[in-house]
Amino acid sequence: MTRHSLLHILHTPADSTQPTASDVWSGAYKIPWNDPEFSRRMLREHLTQDHDLASRRIESIAMQTAWMQKTFLGGTRARILDLGCGPGLYARHWLSYGHRYHGIDFGPASIDYALQTITEAEATFMLGDILATPFGGPYDVATLLYGELNVFPPESCRAILQKTHTALRKGGRIILEVHTEEAVRRAGSANSWYKAAQGLFSELPHLCLMESRWYDHLAVARQTFHVIHLEAAAASEAVETYHSTMQAWSLEGYMALLYEAGFDEIKVETALPGSHADLMLLTAICA
């Protein structure tokens, strides 16, 4: 990579035009978690106990599942739908309470890991995008945790919640953990960089430059990651660029989404252990 090309990345001026929703939500608007190699690197981040950037640490997951069991299920046995299940880190705990479990995720390495490590007949896993994959059902509880809903455009959010409503029995419950509006806004204003011997974006030494933008008229944050391979054999292989796009919703916006999808008795839950100030937990009943 030449000094000129690096400076081009660092000093490319921001586009002053106002993008449309189609502009920010088209093409490669999210990191390719379903790419086999990317998925394999992501699995490592899910499983590490050094941080909780991809998945919560095992201790927190155990506490959260115990809290959900006590708060919502008591001594009853249920059918659980885990949307965006990753490598099935909640599954083991749900199974320990005697529940039946079905997890869906579009990371192939994560689903392979879940299938290899959780072999109980009461647990099933499916590789697929939750937008397109049939959910089956009926379920008693559906979970979508750790802010996953925010990485989808508004119409996809509506479709996912409507599918979830259809998959739940009447009186069933959705447990939905989302990013606060302010957290997404902050994500659109944080610029940073780091150097790593290996990591999520590459197994080889690389430099990652992250630039962020907040589009107020769309309530959208867009993070762009320029990954510069320090030992690239050719200039064409030196730089890869990824985008991560997030939709911000107010509490009223989330509630409107849930009501529109057919849910009722919407509550903001504040007692979830191991939670984070950037996240908010909502529950609602399938009317």
Foldseek 3Di string as FASTA:
>chain_A
DDPVVVVCVVPVDDDPDADDPCVCQDDQNADPCLDQVLVVQLLVVQADCPDDPNHHHLVLLLLQLVVCCVPPPPLDEWEEEEEQCFLPSNVVNSVVSPYQYEYEHQRVVSPVNNVVPPPDPSYYYDHDHLLPDQRAAQTQEYEDDDAPLFQHPPVSSLSSLLSNLVNYDAFHKYKYKHFALVLQQVLQQDWDKDWDCAHSVGVHTWIWTKHWHQNVVQSKIKIKIWIAHPPDPDPVPGIDIHMGMGHHDHPVRVVVSNVVSQWDPKDWDDPRPPDDPRMTIIMTGRD
